[in-house]
Amino acid sequence: MAVSAKSLGRPLETGYTEGKGRYRWRICGLLFFVTTLIYLDRQVLGVLAPELQRVIGWNEVQYGNIVTAFQIAYALGLLLSGRFIDKVGTRTGYAVAIGLWTLATTGQSLARTVLAFAAARFVLGLAEAPNFPSAIKTVAEWFPKRERALATGIFNSGANIGAVVAPLTAPWIAIHLGWPWAFVFMALVGVVWIVLWVGAYRRPEKHPKVSAAELAHIQSDPAEPAAAMPWAKLLPHRQTWAFVAGKFITDPVWWFFLYWLPKFLNARFGLTLSALGWPLVIVYTMSMGGSIAGGWLSARLLKSGWNSNTA
């Protein structure tokens, strides 16, 4: 039976207005934080690739193999991470995933060969895979349907923020402290996030900082029976193939920007490590604006009465 504000014995305040209490947005902030951190780590490899190629001596093919190791692990992890998060819960699952991510990020700082980098990036791919399943599940637990598009747009924009921050910070760290410290600092921030997450996260109906009014708002959607759906039953739906087509079209462009744009700018235009920052910032800032605007527009359309497929 669903737990509600009334069943918890929390008095509903008079004059309740939609959205009273904003703890759910703190949770969204943590999702944004970790997504930013993860994409910062992804982008650091691309930003430092020209320098790492000079120091370690890998060629373009070997760099491509390092990138591919991450992509293969990430794809495998996505197939398994959803079930893992459903089984252990978002609080524990997220903490375990970022703990593994922290170890893999530290491993990158210690790598001095192509094989070592590929191994560290493979583990990193497995560790990063639970991020979006965990974040989406968290949004479903903490937000009513009419706010989920906006919350998703906010945490998803962390991908672009991370991509923007990386070219502004990684070159400075590499030049002044050495390239391994770019990875070490991220690992340390990962530890900080785990502490914040474990301390802050509970399901809303069990959280002492969630008011009765906010809990009622979170649970304001009509109850719907939840039933497991086999993968095969998803295939006949047009929405499934529309999503697949969208990812197939956009993801190659995004991954090129993350991993190969810095090397392209270095090889084609001779931009050094210290000069790569602002061209990359412009590209990723435009992408970030589109992410937030898309989430805001979807939320507005849903509030206006549009169904989720059309919005």
C-alpha atoms as a PDB file:
ATOM      1  CA  MET A   1       0.000   0.000   0.000  1.00  0.00           C
ATOM      2  CA  ALA A   2       1.329   3.419  -0.904  1.00  0.00           C
ATOM      3  CA  VAL A   3       2.508   5.572   1.974  1.00  0.00           C
ATOM      4  CA  SER A   4       0.973   9.029   2.028  1.00  0.00           C
ATOM      5  CA  ALA A   5       1.294  12.138   4.122  1.00  0.00           C
ATOM      6  CA  LYS A   6      -1.883  11.269   5.996  1.00  0.00           C
ATOM      7  CA  SER A   7      -0.806   7.712   6.764  1.00  0.00           C
ATOM      8  CA  LEU A   8       2.441   9.045   8.215  1.00  0.00           C
ATOM      9  CA  GLY A   9       0.461  11.207  10.587  1.00  0.00           C
ATOM     10  CA  ARG A  10       1.919  14.449   9.296  1.00  0.00           C
ATOM     11  CA  PRO A  11      -0.574  17.292   9.591  1.00  0.00           C
ATOM     12  CA  LEU A  12      -1.384  18.884   6.271  1.00  0.00           C
ATOM     13  CA  GLU A  13      -0.891  22.598   6.623  1.00  0.00           C
ATOM     14  CA  THR A  14      -3.778  24.867   5.792  1.00  0.00           C
ATOM     15  CA  GLY A  15      -3.358  27.112   2.818  1.00  0.00           C
ATOM     16  CA  TYR A  16      -1.383  24.404   1.024  1.00  0.00           C
ATOM     17  CA  THR A  17      -0.168  25.496  -2.362  1.00  0.00           C
ATOM     18  CA  GLU A  18       1.375  23.310  -4.985  1.00  0.00           C
ATOM     19  CA  GLY A  19       5.093  22.903  -4.523  1.00  0.00           C
ATOM     20  CA  LYS A  20       5.326  24.037  -0.847  1.00  0.00           C
ATOM     21  CA  GLY A  21       8.609  22.636   0.400  1.00  0.00           C
ATOM     22  CA  ARG A  22      11.564  22.350  -1.926  1.00  0.00           C
ATOM     23  CA  TYR A  23      13.696  19.514  -0.576  1.00  0.00           C
ATOM     24  CA  ARG A  24      13.108  17.564  -3.777  1.00  0.00           C
ATOM     25  CA  TRP A  25      15.114  20.212  -5.627  1.00  0.00           C
ATOM     26  CA  ARG A  26      18.068  19.576  -3.311  1.00  0.00           C
ATOM     27  CA  ILE A  27      17.958  15.974  -4.454  1.00  0.00           C
ATOM     28  CA  CYS A  28      17.853  17.218  -8.033  1.00  0.00           C
ATOM     29  CA  GLY A  29      20.885  19.352  -7.219  1.00  0.00           C
ATOM     30  CA  LEU A  30      22.834  16.264  -6.153  1.00  0.00           C
ATOM     31  CA  LEU A  31      21.880  14.563  -9.421  1.00  0.00           C
ATOM     32  CA  PHE A  32      23.132  17.612 -11.289  1.00  0.00           C
ATOM     33  CA  PHE A  33      26.331  17.598  -9.230  1.00  0.00           C
ATOM     34  CA  VAL A  34      27.231  13.980  -9.963  1.00  0.00           C
ATOM     35  CA  THR A  35      26.282  14.181 -13.643  1.00  0.00           C
ATOM     36  CA  THR A  36      28.525  17.233 -13.969  1.00  0.00           C
ATOM     37  CA  LEU A  37      31.356  15.361 -12.269  1.00  0.00           C
ATOM     38  CA  ILE A  38      30.979  12.297 -14.481  1.00  0.00           C
ATOM     39  CA  TYR A  39      31.027  14.288 -17.689  1.00  0.00           C
ATOM     40  CA  LEU A  40      33.904  16.375 -16.421  1.00  0.00           C
ATOM     41  CA  ASP A  41      35.860  13.137 -16.149  1.00  0.00           C
ATOM     42  CA  ARG A  42      34.844  12.006 -19.621  1.00  0.00           C
ATOM     43  CA  GLN A  43      35.882  15.297 -21.152  1.00  0.00           C
ATOM     44  CA  VAL A  44      39.191  15.554 -19.307  1.00  0.00           C
ATOM     45  CA  LEU A  45      40.552  12.652 -21.360  1.00  0.00           C
ATOM     46  CA  GLY A  46      39.611  14.433 -24.586  1.00  0.00           C
ATOM     47  CA  VAL A  47      41.034  17.779 -23.459  1.00  0.00           C
ATOM     48  CA  LEU A  48      44.290  16.209 -22.300  1.00  0.00           C
ATOM     49  CA  ALA A  49      44.562  13.819 -25.256  1.00  0.00           C
ATOM     50  CA  PRO A  50      47.141  15.914 -27.166  1.00  0.00           C
ATOM     51  CA  GLU A  51      49.298  16.180 -24.031  1.00  0.00           C
ATOM     52  CA  LEU A  52      48.869  12.509 -23.113  1.00  0.00           C
ATOM     53  CA  GLN A  53      49.739  11.519 -26.663  1.00  0.00           C
ATOM     54  CA  ARG A  54      52.989  13.470 -26.334  1.00  0.00           C
ATOM     55  CA  VAL A  55      53.853  12.133 -22.863  1.00  0.00           C
ATOM     56  CA  ILE A  56      52.771   8.502 -23.184  1.00  0.00           C
ATOM     57  CA  GLY A  57      53.326   8.180 -26.917  1.00  0.00           C
ATOM     58  CA  TRP A  58      50.082   6.642 -28.119  1.00  0.00           C
ATOM     59  CA  ASN A  59      48.902   7.131 -31.695  1.00  0.00           C
ATOM     60  CA  GLU A  60      45.446   7.893 -33.079  1.00  0.00           C
ATOM     61  CA  VAL A  61      44.470   4.227 -33.345  1.00  0.00           C
ATOM     62  CA  GLN A  62      45.523   3.504 -29.776  1.00  0.00           C
ATOM     63  CA  TYR A  63      43.603   6.531 -28.532  1.00  0.00           C
ATOM     64  CA  GLY A  64      40.583   5.263 -30.436  1.00  0.00           C
ATOM     65  CA  ASN A  65      40.968   1.889 -28.714  1.00  0.00           C
ATOM     66  CA  ILE A  66      41.017   3.593 -25.309  1.00  0.00           C
ATOM     67  CA  VAL A  67      37.819   5.450 -26.195  1.00  0.00           C
ATOM     68  CA  THR A  68      36.248   2.227 -27.494  1.00  0.00           C
ATOM     69  CA  ALA A  69      37.065   0.372 -24.261  1.00  0.00           C
ATOM     70  CA  PHE A  70      34.968   2.891 -22.360  1.00  0.00           C
ATOM     71  CA  GLN A  71      32.119   2.756 -24.873  1.00  0.00           C
ATOM     72  CA  ILE A  72      31.898  -1.046 -24.805  1.00  0.00           C
ATOM     73  CA  ALA A  73      31.869  -1.135 -21.002  1.00  0.00           C
ATOM     74  CA  TYR A  74      29.323   1.668 -20.872  1.00  0.00           C
ATOM     75  CA  ALA A  75      26.994  -0.166 -23.262  1.00  0.00           C
ATOM     76  CA  LEU A  76      27.284  -3.396 -21.266  1.00  0.00           C
ATOM     77  CA  GLY A  77      26.763  -1.504 -18.030  1.00  0.00           C
ATOM     78  CA  LEU A  78      23.584   0.124 -19.290  1.00  0.00           C
ATOM     79  CA  LEU A  79      22.106  -3.316 -19.980  1.00  0.00           C
ATOM     80  CA  LEU A  80      22.771  -4.425 -16.392  1.00  0.00           C
ATOM     81  CA  SER A  81      22.654  -1.294 -14.258  1.00  0.00           C
ATOM     82  CA  GLY A  82      18.897  -0.747 -14.352  1.00  0.00           C
ATOM     83  CA  ARG A  83      18.215  -4.141 -12.796  1.00  0.00           C
ATOM     84  CA  PHE A  84      20.994  -3.535 -10.262  1.00  0.00           C
ATOM     85  CA  ILE A  85      19.539  -0.181  -9.181  1.00  0.00           C
ATOM     86  CA  ASP A  86      16.022  -1.629  -8.956  1.00  0.00           C
ATOM     87  CA  LYS A  87      17.319  -4.407  -6.708  1.00  0.00           C
ATOM     88  CA  VAL A  88      19.486  -2.457  -4.258  1.00  0.00           C
ATOM     89  CA  GLY A  89      17.763   0.941  -4.465  1.00  0.00           C
ATOM     90  CA  THR A  90      18.954   4.324  -5.612  1.00  0.00           C
ATOM     91  CA  ARG A  91      20.660   5.311  -2.345  1.00  0.00           C
ATOM     92  CA  THR A  92      22.921   2.267  -2.135  1.00  0.00           C
ATOM     93  CA  GLY A  93      23.265   1.663  -5.864  1.00  0.00           C
ATOM     94  CA  TYR A  94      24.322   5.208  -6.634  1.00  0.00           C
ATOM     95  CA  ALA A  95      26.893   5.210  -3.815  1.00  0.00           C
ATOM     96  CA  VAL A  96      28.390   1.896  -4.975  1.00  0.00           C
ATOM     97  CA  ALA A  97      28.582   3.077  -8.587  1.00  0.00           C
ATOM     98  CA  ILE A  98      30.310   6.352  -7.728  1.00  0.00           C
ATOM     99  CA  GLY A  99      32.639   4.513  -5.361  1.00  0.00           C
ATOM    100  CA  LEU A 100      33.746   2.300  -8.261  1.00  0.00           C
ATOM    101  CA  TRP A 101      33.931   5.392 -10.463  1.00  0.00           C
ATOM    102  CA  THR A 102      36.266   7.042  -7.934  1.00  0.00           C
ATOM    103  CA  LEU A 103      38.601   4.042  -8.006  1.00  0.00           C
ATOM    104  CA  ALA A 104      38.623   3.992 -11.817  1.00  0.00           C
ATOM    105  CA  THR A 105      39.304   7.721 -11.976  1.00  0.00           C
ATOM    106  CA  THR A 106      42.216   7.273  -9.581  1.00  0.00           C
ATOM    107  CA  GLY A 107      43.423   4.465 -11.837  1.00  0.00           C
ATOM    108  CA  GLN A 108      43.625   6.885 -14.753  1.00  0.00           C
ATOM    109  CA  SER A 109      45.993   9.093 -12.766  1.00  0.00           C
ATOM    110  CA  LEU A 110      48.297   6.096 -12.282  1.00  0.00           C
ATOM    111  CA  ALA A 111      48.160   4.804 -15.872  1.00  0.00           C
ATOM    112  CA  ARG A 112      51.311   5.138 -17.962  1.00  0.00           C
ATOM    113  CA  THR A 113      50.568   2.745 -20.836  1.00  0.00           C
ATOM    114  CA  VAL A 114      47.832   2.369 -23.424  1.00  0.00           C
ATOM    115  CA  LEU A 115      46.683  -0.901 -21.842  1.00  0.00           C
ATOM    116  CA  ALA A 116      46.485   0.627 -18.366  1.00  0.00           C
ATOM    117  CA  PHE A 117      44.458   3.568 -19.655  1.00  0.00           C
ATOM    118  CA  ALA A 118      42.135   1.248 -21.566  1.00  0.00           C
ATOM    119  CA  ALA A 119      41.612  -0.905 -18.453  1.00  0.00           C
ATOM    120  CA  ALA A 120      40.875   2.140 -16.284  1.00  0.00           C
ATOM    121  CA  ARG A 121      38.453   3.522 -18.873  1.00  0.00           C
ATOM    122  CA  PHE A 122      36.717   0.134 -19.155  1.00  0.00           C
ATOM    123  CA  VAL A 123      36.047   0.073 -15.409  1.00  0.00           C
ATOM    124  CA  LEU A 124      35.019   3.716 -15.625  1.00  0.00           C
ATOM    125  CA  GLY A 125      32.438   2.843 -18.284  1.00  0.00           C
ATOM    126  CA  LEU A 126      30.917   0.163 -16.070  1.00  0.00           C
ATOM    127  CA  ALA A 127      30.828   2.586 -13.134  1.00  0.00           C
ATOM    128  CA  GLU A 128      29.252   5.452 -15.079  1.00  0.00           C
ATOM    129  CA  ALA A 129      26.496   3.347 -16.619  1.00  0.00           C
ATOM    130  CA  PRO A 130      24.232   3.427 -13.521  1.00  0.00           C
ATOM    131  CA  ASN A 131      24.171   7.234 -13.448  1.00  0.00           C
ATOM    132  CA  PHE A 132      21.259   7.903 -15.765  1.00  0.00           C
ATOM    133  CA  PRO A 133      19.132   4.899 -14.672  1.00  0.00           C
ATOM    134  CA  SER A 134      19.691   5.992 -11.056  1.00  0.00           C
ATOM    135  CA  ALA A 135      18.938   9.638 -11.773  1.00  0.00           C
ATOM    136  CA  ILE A 136      15.780   8.838 -13.729  1.00  0.00           C
ATOM    137  CA  LYS A 137      14.559   6.511 -10.983  1.00  0.00           C
ATOM    138  CA  THR A 138      15.305   9.192  -8.388  1.00  0.00           C
ATOM    139  CA  VAL A 139      13.305  11.766 -10.349  1.00  0.00           C
ATOM    140  CA  ALA A 140      10.386   9.315 -10.563  1.00  0.00           C
ATOM    141  CA  GLU A 141      10.520   8.823  -6.782  1.00  0.00           C
ATOM    142  CA  TRP A 142      10.795  12.509  -5.912  1.00  0.00           C
ATOM    143  CA  PHE A 143       8.807  14.444  -8.513  1.00  0.00           C
ATOM    144  CA  PRO A 144       5.246  14.378  -9.827  1.00  0.00           C
ATOM    145  CA  LYS A 145       4.945  13.792 -13.558  1.00  0.00           C
ATOM    146  CA  ARG A 146       4.420  17.443 -14.421  1.00  0.00           C
ATOM    147  CA  GLU A 147       7.827  18.356 -12.922  1.00  0.00           C
ATOM    148  CA  ARG A 148       9.868  15.402 -14.127  1.00  0.00           C
ATOM    149  CA  ALA A 149      10.782  16.845 -17.518  1.00  0.00           C
ATOM    150  CA  LEU A 150      12.208  19.981 -15.899  1.00  0.00           C
ATOM    151  CA  ALA A 151      14.060  18.008 -13.209  1.00  0.00           C
ATOM    152  CA  THR A 152      15.483  15.709 -15.887  1.00  0.00           C
ATOM    153  CA  GLY A 153      16.532  18.673 -18.001  1.00  0.00           C
ATOM    154  CA  ILE A 154      18.314  20.229 -15.025  1.00  0.00           C
ATOM    155  CA  PHE A 155      20.332  17.176 -14.017  1.00  0.00           C
ATOM    156  CA  ASN A 156      20.993  16.300 -17.661  1.00  0.00           C
ATOM    157  CA  SER A 157      22.462  19.762 -18.218  1.00  0.00           C
ATOM    158  CA  GLY A 158      25.227  18.671 -15.865  1.00  0.00           C
ATOM    159  CA  ALA A 159      26.639  16.748 -18.819  1.00  0.00           C
ATOM    160  CA  ASN A 160      27.152  20.033 -20.646  1.00  0.00           C
ATOM    161  CA  ILE A 161      28.389  21.851 -17.540  1.00  0.00           C
ATOM    162  CA  GLY A 162      31.013  19.152 -17.035  1.00  0.00           C
ATOM    163  CA  ALA A 163      32.045  19.461 -20.657  1.00  0.00           C
ATOM    164  CA  VAL A 164      32.310  23.254 -20.226  1.00  0.00           C
ATOM    165  CA  VAL A 165      34.260  23.126 -16.955  1.00  0.00           C
ATOM    166  CA  ALA A 166      36.784  20.549 -18.191  1.00  0.00           C
ATOM    167  CA  PRO A 167      38.506  22.710 -20.835  1.00  0.00           C
ATOM    168  CA  LEU A 168      38.657  25.599 -18.356  1.00  0.00           C
ATOM    169  CA  THR A 169      40.218  23.626 -15.497  1.00  0.00           C
ATOM    170  CA  ALA A 170      42.022  20.547 -16.824  1.00  0.00           C
ATOM    171  CA  PRO A 171      44.640  22.449 -18.880  1.00  0.00           C
ATOM    172  CA  TRP A 172      45.476  24.711 -15.924  1.00  0.00           C
ATOM    173  CA  ILE A 173      45.870  21.736 -13.585  1.00  0.00           C
ATOM    174  CA  ALA A 174      47.951  19.814 -16.129  1.00  0.00           C
ATOM    175  CA  ILE A 175      50.248  22.769 -16.814  1.00  0.00           C
ATOM    176  CA  HIS A 176      50.799  23.762 -13.180  1.00  0.00           C
ATOM    177  CA  LEU A 177      50.512  20.470 -11.261  1.00  0.00           C
ATOM    178  CA  GLY A 178      50.850  17.728 -13.858  1.00  0.00           C
ATOM    179  CA  TRP A 179      48.161  15.856 -15.787  1.00  0.00           C
ATOM    180  CA  PRO A 180      47.582  13.080 -13.163  1.00  0.00           C
ATOM    181  CA  TRP A 181      46.203  15.663 -10.734  1.00  0.00           C
ATOM    182  CA  ALA A 182      43.322  16.442 -13.076  1.00  0.00           C
ATOM    183  CA  PHE A 183      42.049  12.928 -12.374  1.00  0.00           C
ATOM    184  CA  VAL A 184      43.015  12.923  -8.686  1.00  0.00           C
ATOM    185  CA  PHE A 185      40.957  16.044  -7.961  1.00  0.00           C
ATOM    186  CA  MET A 186      37.892  14.490  -9.581  1.00  0.00           C
ATOM    187  CA  ALA A 187      38.287  11.325  -7.528  1.00  0.00           C
ATOM    188  CA  LEU A 188      38.402  13.411  -4.346  1.00  0.00           C
ATOM    189  CA  VAL A 189      35.244  15.265  -5.360  1.00  0.00           C
ATOM    190  CA  GLY A 190      33.619  11.880  -5.988  1.00  0.00           C
ATOM    191  CA  VAL A 191      34.264  10.935  -2.355  1.00  0.00           C
ATOM    192  CA  VAL A 192      32.653  14.198  -1.243  1.00  0.00           C
ATOM    193  CA  TRP A 193      29.570  13.473  -3.356  1.00  0.00           C
ATOM    194  CA  ILE A 194      29.165   9.991  -1.872  1.00  0.00           C
ATOM    195  CA  VAL A 195      29.173  11.461   1.639  1.00  0.00           C
ATOM    196  CA  LEU A 196      26.581  14.089   0.665  1.00  0.00           C
ATOM    197  CA  TRP A 197      24.375  11.555  -1.118  1.00  0.00           C
ATOM    198  CA  VAL A 198      24.327   8.944   1.643  1.00  0.00           C
ATOM    199  CA  GLY A 199      23.606  11.646   4.196  1.00  0.00           C
ATOM    200  CA  ALA A 200      20.871  13.405   2.228  1.00  0.00           C
ATOM    201  CA  TYR A 201      18.956  10.675   0.418  1.00  0.00           C
ATOM    202  CA  ARG A 202      15.963   8.745   1.693  1.00  0.00           C
ATOM    203  CA  ARG A 203      12.725   7.964  -0.072  1.00  0.00           C
ATOM    204  CA  PRO A 204      10.471  11.026   0.321  1.00  0.00           C
ATOM    205  CA  GLU A 205       7.919   9.257   2.518  1.00  0.00           C
ATOM    206  CA  LYS A 206      10.713   8.326   4.956  1.00  0.00           C
ATOM    207  CA  HIS A 207      12.599  11.602   4.880  1.00  0.00           C
ATOM    208  CA  PRO A 208      12.341  13.783   8.014  1.00  0.00           C
ATOM    209  CA  LYS A 209      13.017  16.967   6.033  1.00  0.00           C
ATOM    210  CA  VAL A 210      10.101  16.494   3.636  1.00  0.00           C
ATOM    211  CA  SER A 211       7.010  18.331   4.852  1.00  0.00           C
ATOM    212  CA  ALA A 212       3.542  16.842   4.605  1.00  0.00           C
ATOM    213  CA  ALA A 213       2.670  19.442   1.979  1.00  0.00           C
ATOM    214  CA  GLU A 214       5.651  18.581  -0.177  1.00  0.00           C
ATOM    215  CA  LEU A 215       5.013  14.848   0.204  1.00  0.00           C
ATOM    216  CA  ALA A 216       1.421  15.366  -0.912  1.00  0.00           C
ATOM    217  CA  HIS A 217       2.707  17.292  -3.915  1.00  0.00           C
ATOM    218  CA  ILE A 218       5.194  14.545  -4.801  1.00  0.00           C
ATOM    219  CA  GLN A 219       2.450  11.910  -4.527  1.00  0.00           C
ATOM    220  CA  SER A 220      -0.198  13.978  -6.317  1.00  0.00           C
ATOM    221  CA  ASP A 221      -0.328  11.787  -9.435  1.00  0.00           C
ATOM    222  CA  PRO A 222      -3.075   9.133  -9.577  1.00  0.00           C
ATOM    223  CA  ALA A 223      -1.836   5.726  -8.488  1.00  0.00           C
ATOM    224  CA  GLU A 224      -0.969   3.452 -11.390  1.00  0.00           C
ATOM    225  CA  PRO A 225      -0.399  -0.308 -11.135  1.00  0.00           C
ATOM    226  CA  ALA A 226       3.256  -1.159 -11.700  1.00  0.00           C
ATOM    227  CA  ALA A 227       3.889  -4.317 -13.672  1.00  0.00           C
ATOM    228  CA  ALA A 228       7.118  -5.690 -15.068  1.00  0.00           C
ATOM    229  CA  MET A 229       7.313  -5.530 -18.857  1.00  0.00           C
ATOM    230  CA  PRO A 230       9.506  -7.953 -20.833  1.00  0.00           C
ATOM    231  CA  TRP A 231      11.888  -6.369 -23.315  1.00  0.00           C
ATOM    232  CA  ALA A 232      10.150  -8.098 -26.216  1.00  0.00           C
ATOM    233  CA  LYS A 233       6.926  -6.219 -25.494  1.00  0.00           C
ATOM    234  CA  LEU A 234       8.685  -2.886 -25.939  1.00  0.00           C
ATOM    235  CA  LEU A 235       9.761  -3.596 -29.505  1.00  0.00           C
ATOM    236  CA  PRO A 236       6.361  -3.183 -31.241  1.00  0.00           C
ATOM    237  CA  HIS A 237       5.871   0.307 -29.767  1.00  0.00           C
ATOM    238  CA  ARG A 238       6.671   3.282 -31.982  1.00  0.00           C
ATOM    239  CA  GLN A 239       7.948   5.194 -28.954  1.00  0.00           C
ATOM    240  CA  THR A 240      10.713   2.612 -28.504  1.00  0.00           C
ATOM    241  CA  TRP A 241      11.973   2.990 -32.046  1.00  0.00           C
ATOM    242  CA  ALA A 242      11.601   6.761 -31.948  1.00  0.00           C
ATOM    243  CA  PHE A 243      13.849   6.843 -28.878  1.00  0.00           C
ATOM    244  CA  VAL A 244      16.365   4.467 -30.496  1.00  0.00           C
ATOM    245  CA  ALA A 245      16.426   6.557 -33.676  1.00  0.00           C
ATOM    246  CA  GLY A 246      16.939   9.760 -31.727  1.00  0.00           C
ATOM    247  CA  LYS A 247      19.885   8.316 -29.806  1.00  0.00           C
ATOM    248  CA  PHE A 248      21.344   6.793 -32.969  1.00  0.00           C
ATOM    249  CA  ILE A 249      21.292  10.189 -34.678  1.00  0.00           C
ATOM    250  CA  THR A 250      22.483  12.422 -31.833  1.00  0.00           C
ATOM    251  CA  ASP A 251      24.890  10.293 -29.782  1.00  0.00           C
ATOM    252  CA  PRO A 252      27.645   9.943 -32.423  1.00  0.00           C
ATOM    253  CA  VAL A 253      27.769  13.735 -32.732  1.00  0.00           C
ATOM    254  CA  TRP A 254      27.925  14.201 -28.965  1.00  0.00           C
ATOM    255  CA  TRP A 255      30.630  11.593 -28.474  1.00  0.00           C
ATOM    256  CA  PHE A 256      32.674  13.136 -31.293  1.00  0.00           C
ATOM    257  CA  PHE A 257      32.500  16.492 -29.543  1.00  0.00           C
ATOM    258  CA  LEU A 258      33.603  14.924 -26.258  1.00  0.00           C
ATOM    259  CA  TYR A 259      36.537  12.834 -27.451  1.00  0.00           C
ATOM    260  CA  TRP A 260      37.698  14.052 -30.827  1.00  0.00           C
ATOM    261  CA  LEU A 261      36.968  17.780 -31.043  1.00  0.00           C
ATOM    262  CA  PRO A 262      39.965  18.778 -28.856  1.00  0.00           C
ATOM    263  CA  LYS A 263      42.293  16.597 -30.935  1.00  0.00           C
ATOM    264  CA  PHE A 264      40.797  17.997 -34.149  1.00  0.00           C
ATOM    265  CA  LEU A 265      41.343  21.576 -33.002  1.00  0.00           C
ATOM    266  CA  ASN A 266      44.890  20.709 -31.987  1.00  0.00           C
ATOM    267  CA  ALA A 267      45.755  18.911 -35.226  1.00  0.00           C
ATOM    268  CA  ARG A 268      43.895  21.159 -37.670  1.00  0.00           C
ATOM    269  CA  PHE A 269      44.368  24.595 -36.130  1.00  0.00           C
ATOM    270  CA  GLY A 270      47.391  24.038 -33.910  1.00  0.00           C
ATOM    271  CA  LEU A 271      45.603  24.986 -30.683  1.00  0.00           C
ATOM    272  CA  THR A 272      47.774  24.155 -27.692  1.00  0.00           C
ATOM    273  CA  LEU A 273      46.577  22.819 -24.355  1.00  0.00           C
ATOM    274  CA  SER A 274      46.271  26.330 -22.947  1.00  0.00           C
ATOM    275  CA  ALA A 275      44.320  27.608 -25.983  1.00  0.00           C
ATOM    276  CA  LEU A 276      41.710  24.852 -26.318  1.00  0.00           C
ATOM    277  CA  GLY A 277      39.432  26.132 -23.572  1.00  0.00           C
ATOM    278  CA  TRP A 278      37.207  28.821 -25.034  1.00  0.00           C
ATOM    279  CA  PRO A 279      36.382  27.197 -28.406  1.00  0.00           C
ATOM    280  CA  LEU A 280      35.202  24.114 -26.510  1.00  0.00           C
ATOM    281  CA  VAL A 281      33.316  26.230 -23.979  1.00  0.00           C
ATOM    282  CA  ILE A 282      31.290  27.883 -26.758  1.00  0.00           C
ATOM    283  CA  VAL A 283      30.251  24.548 -28.280  1.00  0.00           C
ATOM    284  CA  TYR A 284      29.255  22.945 -24.975  1.00  0.00           C
ATOM    285  CA  THR A 285      27.473  26.038 -23.678  1.00  0.00           C
ATOM    286  CA  MET A 286      25.186  25.982 -26.710  1.00  0.00           C
ATOM    287  CA  SER A 287      24.417  22.320 -26.027  1.00  0.00           C
ATOM    288  CA  MET A 288      23.718  23.052 -22.347  1.00  0.00           C
ATOM    289  CA  GLY A 289      21.219  25.770 -23.240  1.00  0.00           C
ATOM    290  CA  GLY A 290      19.373  23.379 -25.510  1.00  0.00           C
ATOM    291  CA  SER A 291      19.160  20.749 -22.764  1.00  0.00           C
ATOM    292  CA  ILE A 292      17.617  23.105 -20.209  1.00  0.00           C
ATOM    293  CA  ALA A 293      15.297  24.707 -22.769  1.00  0.00           C
ATOM    294  CA  GLY A 294      14.087  21.291 -23.898  1.00  0.00           C
ATOM    295  CA  GLY A 295      13.233  20.234 -20.355  1.00  0.00           C
ATOM    296  CA  TRP A 296      11.483  23.541 -19.644  1.00  0.00           C
ATOM    297  CA  LEU A 297       9.454  23.367 -22.857  1.00  0.00           C
ATOM    298  CA  SER A 298       8.385  19.776 -22.204  1.00  0.00           C
ATOM    299  CA  ALA A 299       7.259  20.680 -18.685  1.00  0.00           C
ATOM    300  CA  ARG A 300       5.257  23.651 -20.006  1.00  0.00           C
ATOM    301  CA  LEU A 301       3.560  21.512 -22.636  1.00  0.00           C
ATOM    302  CA  LEU A 302       2.648  18.846 -20.076  1.00  0.00           C
ATOM    303  CA  LYS A 303       1.173  21.471 -17.742  1.00  0.00           C
ATOM    304  CA  SER A 304      -0.815  22.829 -20.696  1.00  0.00           C
ATOM    305  CA  GLY A 305      -2.504  19.463 -21.152  1.00  0.00           C
ATOM    306  CA  TRP A 306      -0.359  17.838 -23.815  1.00  0.00           C
ATOM    307  CA  ASN A 307       0.243  14.109 -23.445  1.00  0.00           C
ATOM    308  CA  SER A 308       3.793  12.917 -22.814  1.00  0.00           C
ATOM    309  CA  ASN A 309       4.308  11.435 -26.290  1.00  0.00           C
ATOM    310  CA  THR A 310       3.367  14.642 -28.086  1.00  0.00           C
ATOM    311  CA  ALA A 311       5.296  16.863 -25.666  1.00  0.00           C
END
